[in-house]
Amino acid sequence: MRVVREATVDSDTLAELLRPRHAQVVEQEVEPGRFEASTGPFREYLRTVEVIERRSGDAVVRQTVEFELAIPFW
C-alpha cells in the first residue's frame, strides 16, 4: 500500500516529520528523509519525507509511506 500526503507545515512540525517515529512503528533513518521500520507489524515499510518548497517560516512537504502489513502479526 502507498499513502501520500502533502501539507504546508511550520518549522516545528517539519523538524518533527524529519525525525524517526517511535509509536506503532519504530523507525530508523537510513538516509536524510528516508526511514525504514526496525520493529512493527510490517513485512515492508518505507517513509520518505520531501521538502518541496521552503517559504517564510514554513515549508511545503510531501510524505510518502509505502508498506505491507504482516498479517497475522501475533
C-alpha atoms as a PDB file:
ATOM      1  CA  MET A   1       0.000   0.000   0.000  1.00  0.00           C
ATOM      2  CA  ARG A   2       1.155   3.546  -0.668  1.00  0.00           C
ATOM      3  CA  VAL A   3      -0.085   6.659   1.163  1.00  0.00           C
ATOM      4  CA  VAL A   4       0.960  10.152   0.038  1.00  0.00           C
ATOM      5  CA  ARG A   5       0.205  13.338   1.969  1.00  0.00           C
ATOM      6  CA  GLU A   6       1.219  16.876   1.103  1.00  0.00           C
ATOM      7  CA  ALA A   7       0.890  19.793   3.501  1.00  0.00           C
ATOM      8  CA  THR A   8       2.235  23.190   4.420  1.00  0.00           C
ATOM      9  CA  VAL A   9       3.812  22.957   7.863  1.00  0.00           C
ATOM     10  CA  ASP A  10       5.610  25.259  10.269  1.00  0.00           C
ATOM     11  CA  SER A  11       9.271  24.767  11.177  1.00  0.00           C
ATOM     12  CA  ASP A  12       8.487  22.831  14.392  1.00  0.00           C
ATOM     13  CA  THR A  13       6.273  20.345  12.530  1.00  0.00           C
ATOM     14  CA  LEU A  14       8.878  19.990   9.778  1.00  0.00           C
ATOM     15  CA  ALA A  15      11.521  19.123  12.369  1.00  0.00           C
ATOM     16  CA  GLU A  16       9.164  16.505  13.842  1.00  0.00           C
ATOM     17  CA  LEU A  17       8.482  14.958  10.409  1.00  0.00           C
ATOM     18  CA  LEU A  18      12.213  14.669   9.755  1.00  0.00           C
ATOM     19  CA  ARG A  19      12.784  12.545  12.893  1.00  0.00           C
ATOM     20  CA  PRO A  20      12.235   8.773  13.198  1.00  0.00           C
ATOM     21  CA  ARG A  21       8.869   7.731  14.639  1.00  0.00           C
ATOM     22  CA  HIS A  22       8.560   5.644  17.805  1.00  0.00           C
ATOM     23  CA  ALA A  23       4.855   4.730  18.024  1.00  0.00           C
ATOM     24  CA  GLN A  24       3.052   1.924  16.140  1.00  0.00           C
ATOM     25  CA  VAL A  25       6.282   1.545  14.189  1.00  0.00           C
ATOM     26  CA  VAL A  26       9.830   2.173  15.351  1.00  0.00           C
ATOM     27  CA  GLU A  27      11.758   3.772  12.507  1.00  0.00           C
ATOM     28  CA  GLN A  28      15.428   4.187  11.781  1.00  0.00           C
ATOM     29  CA  GLU A  29      16.760   6.821   9.413  1.00  0.00           C
ATOM     30  CA  VAL A  30      18.597   5.148   6.526  1.00  0.00           C
ATOM     31  CA  GLU A  31      19.475   8.441   4.823  1.00  0.00           C
ATOM     32  CA  PRO A  32      18.214  12.002   5.216  1.00  0.00           C
ATOM     33  CA  GLY A  33      14.431  11.986   4.799  1.00  0.00           C
ATOM     34  CA  ARG A  34      14.164   8.153   4.385  1.00  0.00           C
ATOM     35  CA  PHE A  35      13.021   5.928   7.229  1.00  0.00           C
ATOM     36  CA  GLU A  36      12.645   2.150   7.466  1.00  0.00           C
ATOM     37  CA  ALA A  37      10.924   0.156  10.202  1.00  0.00           C
ATOM     38  CA  SER A  38      13.184  -1.501  12.746  1.00  0.00           C
ATOM     39  CA  THR A  39      10.159  -3.002  14.539  1.00  0.00           C
ATOM     40  CA  GLY A  40       6.435  -3.032  13.916  1.00  0.00           C
ATOM     41  CA  PRO A  41       3.684  -5.063  12.244  1.00  0.00           C
ATOM     42  CA  PHE A  42       5.103  -4.734   8.709  1.00  0.00           C
ATOM     43  CA  ARG A  43       6.725  -7.008   6.148  1.00  0.00           C
ATOM     44  CA  GLU A  44       7.923  -3.920   4.302  1.00  0.00           C
ATOM     45  CA  TYR A  45       7.912  -0.264   5.344  1.00  0.00           C
ATOM     46  CA  LEU A  46       9.467   2.905   3.959  1.00  0.00           C
ATOM     47  CA  ARG A  47       8.600   6.524   4.794  1.00  0.00           C
ATOM     48  CA  THR A  48      10.034   9.304   2.641  1.00  0.00           C
ATOM     49  CA  VAL A  49       9.780  12.996   3.520  1.00  0.00           C
ATOM     50  CA  GLU A  50      10.451  15.535   0.755  1.00  0.00           C
ATOM     51  CA  VAL A  51      10.640  19.274   1.331  1.00  0.00           C
ATOM     52  CA  ILE A  52       9.144  20.643  -1.888  1.00  0.00           C
ATOM     53  CA  GLU A  53       9.313  24.351  -1.188  1.00  0.00           C
ATOM     54  CA  ARG A  54      10.506  26.481   1.707  1.00  0.00           C
ATOM     55  CA  ARG A  55       8.632  29.644   2.470  1.00  0.00           C
ATOM     56  CA  SER A  56       8.996  32.307   5.109  1.00  0.00           C
ATOM     57  CA  GLY A  57       8.577  30.367   8.375  1.00  0.00           C
ATOM     58  CA  ASP A  58       7.065  27.245   6.828  1.00  0.00           C
ATOM     59  CA  ALA A  59       7.553  24.582   4.152  1.00  0.00           C
ATOM     60  CA  VAL A  60       5.530  22.507   1.711  1.00  0.00           C
ATOM     61  CA  VAL A  61       6.215  18.852   2.495  1.00  0.00           C
ATOM     62  CA  ARG A  62       5.279  15.596   0.760  1.00  0.00           C
ATOM     63  CA  GLN A  63       5.324  12.482   2.916  1.00  0.00           C
ATOM     64  CA  THR A  64       5.085   9.058   1.250  1.00  0.00           C
ATOM     65  CA  VAL A  65       4.653   5.852   3.243  1.00  0.00           C
ATOM     66  CA  GLU A  66       4.912   2.520   1.417  1.00  0.00           C
ATOM     67  CA  PHE A  67       4.147  -0.579   3.450  1.00  0.00           C
ATOM     68  CA  GLU A  68       2.908  -4.131   3.544  1.00  0.00           C
ATOM     69  CA  LEU A  69       1.298  -5.311   6.769  1.00  0.00           C
ATOM     70  CA  ALA A  70       2.490  -8.556   8.321  1.00  0.00           C
ATOM     71  CA  ILE A  71      -0.861 -10.187   8.974  1.00  0.00           C
ATOM     72  CA  PRO A  72      -1.245 -12.088  11.191  1.00  0.00           C
ATOM     73  CA  PHE A  73       1.279 -10.202  13.311  1.00  0.00           C
ATOM     74  CA  TRP A  74       0.804 -12.068  16.584  1.00  0.00           C
END
